[in-house]
């Protein structure tokens, strides 16, 4: 009886694992290096499907202001995401961006603005403060849910990719523009590892590392 019960539990666990994995999904590994040829930790890798699929409501993101610093310094969000900009300092800030992907200005304020800012176009958005010139942050807006950060070895894995055609890219602040990227076709299962070399080094801007 115990053996039968154990077997049923194993079968159930296996069935749950199969249900959680997308049928025919692909797994893509990406290795990112700095301009000096060293492993680049904290870089963003993302695969944008050439045929876009509709998505539901996206979770809201937050970029805070603490000790005259944006937190986090760099962010990656999906296009259509609403971003809140609370001000946790005891002084007022005025957040703005002139980047083509999102032009906006939040006039001088304390606390949290009543309405978030919706980032509806893909691209790199550089943030600043009209009052404090030393404040800078980057937002990478991607038109895909398939993105990840590299670990200390410069490696990242994009999981549950539906088979199809994608544009694969890598990015890290302070890059003000996206790389041209690589067109790839993925099939189900584990794909060959792709490699990128970014035109920046981690030491170029220590503040650009994600928090």
C-alpha atoms as a PDB file:
ATOM      1  CA  UNK A   1       0.000   0.000   0.000  1.00  0.00           C
ATOM      2  CA  UNK A   2       2.838   2.411   0.935  1.00  0.00           C
ATOM      3  CA  UNK A   3       4.665   1.603  -2.326  1.00  0.00           C
ATOM      4  CA  UNK A   4       1.509   2.275  -4.327  1.00  0.00           C
ATOM      5  CA  UNK A   5       0.963   5.613  -2.534  1.00  0.00           C
ATOM      6  CA  UNK A   6       4.590   6.613  -3.101  1.00  0.00           C
ATOM      7  CA  UNK A   7       4.336   5.742  -6.801  1.00  0.00           C
ATOM      8  CA  UNK A   8       1.206   7.853  -7.157  1.00  0.00           C
ATOM      9  CA  UNK A   9       2.946  10.816  -5.513  1.00  0.00           C
ATOM     10  CA  UNK A  10       5.887  10.504  -7.883  1.00  0.00           C
ATOM     11  CA  UNK A  11       3.542  10.344 -10.867  1.00  0.00           C
ATOM     12  CA  UNK A  12       1.659  13.417  -9.633  1.00  0.00           C
ATOM     13  CA  UNK A  13       4.883  15.402  -9.112  1.00  0.00           C
ATOM     14  CA  UNK A  14       6.057  14.491 -12.610  1.00  0.00           C
ATOM     15  CA  UNK A  15       2.705  15.540 -14.066  1.00  0.00           C
ATOM     16  CA  UNK A  16       2.946  18.933 -12.304  1.00  0.00           C
ATOM     17  CA  UNK A  17       6.463  19.538 -13.676  1.00  0.00           C
ATOM     18  CA  UNK A  18       5.306  18.697 -17.186  1.00  0.00           C
ATOM     19  CA  UNK A  19       2.322  21.026 -16.874  1.00  0.00           C
ATOM     20  CA  UNK A  20       4.511  23.945 -15.732  1.00  0.00           C
ATOM     21  CA  UNK A  21       6.861  23.685 -18.716  1.00  0.00           C
ATOM     22  CA  UNK A  22       5.610  25.133 -21.994  1.00  0.00           C
ATOM     23  CA  UNK A  23       5.205  22.335 -24.553  1.00  0.00           C
ATOM     24  CA  UNK A  24       8.001  22.423 -27.117  1.00  0.00           C
ATOM     25  CA  UNK A  25       9.696  25.362 -25.367  1.00  0.00           C
ATOM     26  CA  UNK A  26      13.322  26.246 -25.984  1.00  0.00           C
ATOM     27  CA  UNK A  27      16.119  27.198 -23.605  1.00  0.00           C
ATOM     28  CA  UNK A  28      18.735  29.644 -24.838  1.00  0.00           C
ATOM     29  CA  UNK A  29      22.024  30.310 -23.041  1.00  0.00           C
ATOM     30  CA  UNK A  30      23.883  33.570 -23.638  1.00  0.00           C
ATOM     31  CA  UNK A  31      27.420  34.537 -22.624  1.00  0.00           C
ATOM     32  CA  UNK A  32      28.282  38.256 -22.366  1.00  0.00           C
ATOM     33  CA  UNK A  33      31.751  39.780 -22.257  1.00  0.00           C
ATOM     34  CA  UNK A  34      32.958  43.315 -21.635  1.00  0.00           C
ATOM     35  CA  UNK A  35      34.950  45.338 -24.145  1.00  0.00           C
ATOM     36  CA  UNK A  36      38.060  43.976 -22.408  1.00  0.00           C
ATOM     37  CA  UNK A  37      36.909  40.401 -23.014  1.00  0.00           C
ATOM     38  CA  UNK A  38      36.007  39.705 -19.376  1.00  0.00           C
ATOM     39  CA  UNK A  39      32.750  38.114 -18.119  1.00  0.00           C
ATOM     40  CA  UNK A  40      30.144  40.867 -17.724  1.00  0.00           C
ATOM     41  CA  UNK A  41      27.862  40.501 -14.703  1.00  0.00           C
ATOM     42  CA  UNK A  42      24.497  42.266 -14.581  1.00  0.00           C
ATOM     43  CA  UNK A  43      24.055  42.692 -18.344  1.00  0.00           C
ATOM     44  CA  UNK A  44      20.569  42.283 -19.788  1.00  0.00           C
ATOM     45  CA  UNK A  45      19.994  39.717 -22.535  1.00  0.00           C
ATOM     46  CA  UNK A  46      16.650  39.629 -24.300  1.00  0.00           C
ATOM     47  CA  UNK A  47      15.020  37.843 -27.224  1.00  0.00           C
ATOM     48  CA  UNK A  48      12.322  39.783 -29.073  1.00  0.00           C
ATOM     49  CA  UNK A  49       9.933  37.616 -31.133  1.00  0.00           C
ATOM     50  CA  UNK A  50       9.591  38.803 -34.732  1.00  0.00           C
ATOM     51  CA  UNK A  51       5.883  37.996 -34.543  1.00  0.00           C
ATOM     52  CA  UNK A  52       4.483  39.819 -31.534  1.00  0.00           C
ATOM     53  CA  UNK A  53       1.976  38.119 -29.269  1.00  0.00           C
ATOM     54  CA  UNK A  54      -0.614  39.949 -27.136  1.00  0.00           C
ATOM     55  CA  UNK A  55      -0.004  40.153 -23.394  1.00  0.00           C
ATOM     56  CA  UNK A  56      -2.164  40.823 -20.384  1.00  0.00           C
ATOM     57  CA  UNK A  57      -1.806  43.548 -17.790  1.00  0.00           C
ATOM     58  CA  UNK A  58       1.811  44.106 -16.791  1.00  0.00           C
ATOM     59  CA  UNK A  59       2.952  44.540 -13.175  1.00  0.00           C
ATOM     60  CA  UNK A  60       3.835  48.078 -12.116  1.00  0.00           C
ATOM     61  CA  UNK A  61       7.518  48.936 -11.622  1.00  0.00           C
ATOM     62  CA  UNK A  62       9.047  51.413  -9.181  1.00  0.00           C
ATOM     63  CA  UNK A  63      12.087  53.673  -9.429  1.00  0.00           C
ATOM     64  CA  UNK A  64      12.687  55.418  -6.106  1.00  0.00           C
ATOM     65  CA  UNK A  65      14.845  58.416  -5.201  1.00  0.00           C
ATOM     66  CA  UNK A  66      16.986  57.888  -2.119  1.00  0.00           C
ATOM     67  CA  UNK A  67      19.906  60.093  -0.998  1.00  0.00           C
ATOM     68  CA  UNK A  68      19.774  61.942  -4.334  1.00  0.00           C
ATOM     69  CA  UNK A  69      20.171  58.667  -6.213  1.00  0.00           C
ATOM     70  CA  UNK A  70      17.768  56.722  -8.412  1.00  0.00           C
ATOM     71  CA  UNK A  71      17.087  53.239  -7.042  1.00  0.00           C
ATOM     72  CA  UNK A  72      17.642  51.116  -9.007  1.00  0.00           C
ATOM     73  CA  UNK A  73      20.204  52.821 -11.216  1.00  0.00           C
ATOM     74  CA  UNK A  74      19.190  50.698 -14.201  1.00  0.00           C
ATOM     75  CA  UNK A  75      15.981  48.806 -14.887  1.00  0.00           C
ATOM     76  CA  UNK A  76      14.567  46.572 -17.594  1.00  0.00           C
ATOM     77  CA  UNK A  77      10.821  46.551 -18.201  1.00  0.00           C
ATOM     78  CA  UNK A  78       8.423  45.358 -20.859  1.00  0.00           C
ATOM     79  CA  UNK A  79       6.852  47.960 -23.144  1.00  0.00           C
ATOM     80  CA  UNK A  80       3.533  49.085 -21.702  1.00  0.00           C
ATOM     81  CA  UNK A  81       4.723  48.983 -18.090  1.00  0.00           C
ATOM     82  CA  UNK A  82       3.627  51.764 -15.734  1.00  0.00           C
ATOM     83  CA  UNK A  83       6.451  53.057 -13.525  1.00  0.00           C
ATOM     84  CA  UNK A  84       5.948  54.861 -10.220  1.00  0.00           C
ATOM     85  CA  UNK A  85       8.548  57.454  -9.172  1.00  0.00           C
ATOM     86  CA  UNK A  86       8.276  57.893  -5.393  1.00  0.00           C
ATOM     87  CA  UNK A  87      10.545  60.455  -3.771  1.00  0.00           C
ATOM     88  CA  UNK A  88      11.897  59.067  -0.486  1.00  0.00           C
ATOM     89  CA  UNK A  89      14.175  62.057   0.089  1.00  0.00           C
ATOM     90  CA  UNK A  90      13.289  65.005   2.317  1.00  0.00           C
ATOM     91  CA  UNK A  91      13.974  67.338  -0.605  1.00  0.00           C
ATOM     92  CA  UNK A  92      12.028  67.728  -3.824  1.00  0.00           C
ATOM     93  CA  UNK A  93      13.018  66.294  -7.201  1.00  0.00           C
ATOM     94  CA  UNK A  94      11.962  66.820 -10.807  1.00  0.00           C
ATOM     95  CA  UNK A  95      12.398  63.652 -12.889  1.00  0.00           C
ATOM     96  CA  UNK A  96      12.652  63.965 -16.664  1.00  0.00           C
ATOM     97  CA  UNK A  97      13.779  62.236 -19.853  1.00  0.00           C
ATOM     98  CA  UNK A  98      14.486  63.566 -23.341  1.00  0.00           C
ATOM     99  CA  UNK A  99      15.099  60.090 -24.792  1.00  0.00           C
ATOM    100  CA  UNK A 100      13.100  59.337 -27.983  1.00  0.00           C
ATOM    101  CA  UNK A 101      11.614  56.200 -26.415  1.00  0.00           C
ATOM    102  CA  UNK A 102       9.992  58.310 -23.647  1.00  0.00           C
ATOM    103  CA  UNK A 103       9.919  62.080 -23.293  1.00  0.00           C
ATOM    104  CA  UNK A 104       8.368  63.289 -20.036  1.00  0.00           C
ATOM    105  CA  UNK A 105       8.827  65.620 -17.077  1.00  0.00           C
ATOM    106  CA  UNK A 106       7.591  65.295 -13.507  1.00  0.00           C
ATOM    107  CA  UNK A 107       7.551  68.806 -12.102  1.00  0.00           C
ATOM    108  CA  UNK A 108       9.146  69.509  -8.733  1.00  0.00           C
ATOM    109  CA  UNK A 109       7.505  67.216  -6.157  1.00  0.00           C
ATOM    110  CA  UNK A 110       7.768  65.404  -2.853  1.00  0.00           C
ATOM    111  CA  UNK A 111       6.171  62.073  -1.967  1.00  0.00           C
ATOM    112  CA  UNK A 112       4.694  60.012  -4.818  1.00  0.00           C
ATOM    113  CA  UNK A 113       3.021  61.443  -7.940  1.00  0.00           C
ATOM    114  CA  UNK A 114      -0.622  60.407  -8.276  1.00  0.00           C
ATOM    115  CA  UNK A 115      -0.120  58.922 -11.741  1.00  0.00           C
ATOM    116  CA  UNK A 116       2.675  56.575 -12.870  1.00  0.00           C
ATOM    117  CA  UNK A 117       4.541  57.060 -16.141  1.00  0.00           C
ATOM    118  CA  UNK A 118       3.733  54.483 -18.837  1.00  0.00           C
ATOM    119  CA  UNK A 119       6.747  53.435 -20.933  1.00  0.00           C
ATOM    120  CA  UNK A 120       4.993  52.339 -24.126  1.00  0.00           C
ATOM    121  CA  UNK A 121       7.853  52.280 -26.654  1.00  0.00           C
ATOM    122  CA  UNK A 122      10.919  50.009 -26.727  1.00  0.00           C
ATOM    123  CA  UNK A 123      14.340  51.587 -26.409  1.00  0.00           C
ATOM    124  CA  UNK A 124      16.789  53.023 -23.893  1.00  0.00           C
ATOM    125  CA  UNK A 125      15.487  55.817 -21.677  1.00  0.00           C
ATOM    126  CA  UNK A 126      17.972  57.963 -19.730  1.00  0.00           C
ATOM    127  CA  UNK A 127      16.526  59.625 -16.621  1.00  0.00           C
ATOM    128  CA  UNK A 128      17.710  62.766 -14.912  1.00  0.00           C
ATOM    129  CA  UNK A 129      16.677  65.302 -12.289  1.00  0.00           C
ATOM    130  CA  UNK A 130      16.218  68.954 -13.241  1.00  0.00           C
ATOM    131  CA  UNK A 131      17.412  70.010  -9.788  1.00  0.00           C
ATOM    132  CA  UNK A 132      20.314  67.604  -9.166  1.00  0.00           C
ATOM    133  CA  UNK A 133      22.539  67.085 -12.221  1.00  0.00           C
ATOM    134  CA  UNK A 134      24.418  64.189 -10.599  1.00  0.00           C
ATOM    135  CA  UNK A 135      21.280  62.022 -10.611  1.00  0.00           C
ATOM    136  CA  UNK A 136      21.093  59.674 -13.611  1.00  0.00           C
ATOM    137  CA  UNK A 137      19.465  56.328 -14.318  1.00  0.00           C
ATOM    138  CA  UNK A 138      18.691  54.090 -17.279  1.00  0.00           C
ATOM    139  CA  UNK A 139      15.540  52.206 -18.241  1.00  0.00           C
ATOM    140  CA  UNK A 140      15.714  49.563 -20.960  1.00  0.00           C
ATOM    141  CA  UNK A 141      12.221  49.090 -22.401  1.00  0.00           C
ATOM    142  CA  UNK A 142      11.906  45.806 -24.292  1.00  0.00           C
ATOM    143  CA  UNK A 143       9.107  44.500 -26.488  1.00  0.00           C
ATOM    144  CA  UNK A 144       9.326  40.990 -25.071  1.00  0.00           C
ATOM    145  CA  UNK A 145       8.786  39.053 -21.833  1.00  0.00           C
ATOM    146  CA  UNK A 146      11.932  37.002 -22.508  1.00  0.00           C
ATOM    147  CA  UNK A 147      14.819  38.764 -20.745  1.00  0.00           C
ATOM    148  CA  UNK A 148      17.327  37.955 -18.017  1.00  0.00           C
ATOM    149  CA  UNK A 149      20.413  39.297 -16.220  1.00  0.00           C
ATOM    150  CA  UNK A 150      23.823  37.691 -16.502  1.00  0.00           C
ATOM    151  CA  UNK A 151      25.419  36.193 -13.393  1.00  0.00           C
ATOM    152  CA  UNK A 152      28.991  36.765 -12.168  1.00  0.00           C
ATOM    153  CA  UNK A 153      30.301  34.472 -14.901  1.00  0.00           C
ATOM    154  CA  UNK A 154      28.587  36.580 -17.575  1.00  0.00           C
ATOM    155  CA  UNK A 155      26.034  33.847 -18.314  1.00  0.00           C
ATOM    156  CA  UNK A 156      22.254  34.091 -18.573  1.00  0.00           C
ATOM    157  CA  UNK A 157      19.516  31.676 -19.608  1.00  0.00           C
ATOM    158  CA  UNK A 158      16.326  32.555 -21.464  1.00  0.00           C
ATOM    159  CA  UNK A 159      13.840  29.806 -20.650  1.00  0.00           C
ATOM    160  CA  UNK A 160      10.432  28.793 -22.034  1.00  0.00           C
ATOM    161  CA  UNK A 161      10.972  30.396 -25.445  1.00  0.00           C
ATOM    162  CA  UNK A 162       8.301  29.253 -27.913  1.00  0.00           C
ATOM    163  CA  UNK A 163       9.947  27.929 -31.096  1.00  0.00           C
ATOM    164  CA  UNK A 164      10.253  30.656 -33.709  1.00  0.00           C
ATOM    165  CA  UNK A 165      12.300  33.618 -34.935  1.00  0.00           C
ATOM    166  CA  UNK A 166      13.785  36.212 -32.571  1.00  0.00           C
ATOM    167  CA  UNK A 167      16.111  39.187 -32.444  1.00  0.00           C
ATOM    168  CA  UNK A 168      18.641  38.526 -29.669  1.00  0.00           C
ATOM    169  CA  UNK A 169      20.327  41.474 -27.976  1.00  0.00           C
ATOM    170  CA  UNK A 170      22.444  42.349 -24.941  1.00  0.00           C
ATOM    171  CA  UNK A 171      22.653  45.654 -23.065  1.00  0.00           C
ATOM    172  CA  UNK A 172      24.044  47.355 -19.996  1.00  0.00           C
ATOM    173  CA  UNK A 173      24.117  50.934 -18.784  1.00  0.00           C
ATOM    174  CA  UNK A 174      25.598  53.395 -19.578  1.00  0.00           C
ATOM    175  CA  UNK A 175      24.856  52.342 -23.186  1.00  0.00           C
ATOM    176  CA  UNK A 176      22.460  54.980 -24.556  1.00  0.00           C
ATOM    177  CA  UNK A 177      21.424  52.788 -27.512  1.00  0.00           C
ATOM    178  CA  UNK A 178      20.663  49.132 -28.132  1.00  0.00           C
ATOM    179  CA  UNK A 179      23.015  46.913 -30.123  1.00  0.00           C
ATOM    180  CA  UNK A 180      21.957  45.811 -33.597  1.00  0.00           C
ATOM    181  CA  UNK A 181      21.508  42.277 -32.266  1.00  0.00           C
ATOM    182  CA  UNK A 182      21.473  38.855 -33.904  1.00  0.00           C
ATOM    183  CA  UNK A 183      18.593  37.227 -35.754  1.00  0.00           C
ATOM    184  CA  UNK A 184      18.097  33.675 -34.523  1.00  0.00           C
ATOM    185  CA  UNK A 185      15.701  30.787 -35.001  1.00  0.00           C
ATOM    186  CA  UNK A 186      15.063  28.522 -32.039  1.00  0.00           C
ATOM    187  CA  UNK A 187      13.624  25.026 -31.929  1.00  0.00           C
ATOM    188  CA  UNK A 188      12.399  23.127 -28.895  1.00  0.00           C
ATOM    189  CA  UNK A 189      15.038  21.981 -26.416  1.00  0.00           C
ATOM    190  CA  UNK A 190      18.393  23.470 -25.422  1.00  0.00           C
ATOM    191  CA  UNK A 191      19.939  25.758 -28.058  1.00  0.00           C
ATOM    192  CA  UNK A 192      23.632  26.430 -28.798  1.00  0.00           C
ATOM    193  CA  UNK A 193      25.137  29.145 -26.577  1.00  0.00           C
ATOM    194  CA  UNK A 194      25.260  32.630 -28.111  1.00  0.00           C
ATOM    195  CA  UNK A 195      27.959  35.172 -27.268  1.00  0.00           C
ATOM    196  CA  UNK A 196      27.976  38.973 -27.083  1.00  0.00           C
ATOM    197  CA  UNK A 197      30.712  41.513 -26.444  1.00  0.00           C
ATOM    198  CA  UNK A 198      29.469  44.847 -25.117  1.00  0.00           C
ATOM    199  CA  UNK A 199      31.259  48.120 -25.989  1.00  0.00           C
ATOM    200  CA  UNK A 200      31.618  48.988 -22.278  1.00  0.00           C
ATOM    201  CA  UNK A 201      33.439  47.659 -19.226  1.00  0.00           C
ATOM    202  CA  UNK A 202      31.964  47.121 -15.775  1.00  0.00           C
ATOM    203  CA  UNK A 203      34.461  49.589 -14.316  1.00  0.00           C
ATOM    204  CA  UNK A 204      33.422  52.283 -16.827  1.00  0.00           C
ATOM    205  CA  UNK A 205      30.521  53.240 -14.570  1.00  0.00           C
ATOM    206  CA  UNK A 206      30.354  51.482 -11.216  1.00  0.00           C
ATOM    207  CA  UNK A 207      27.014  53.135 -10.455  1.00  0.00           C
ATOM    208  CA  UNK A 208      25.442  51.409 -13.440  1.00  0.00           C
ATOM    209  CA  UNK A 209      25.440  48.024 -11.732  1.00  0.00           C
ATOM    210  CA  UNK A 210      21.878  46.934 -10.848  1.00  0.00           C
ATOM    211  CA  UNK A 211      20.795  47.051  -7.195  1.00  0.00           C
END
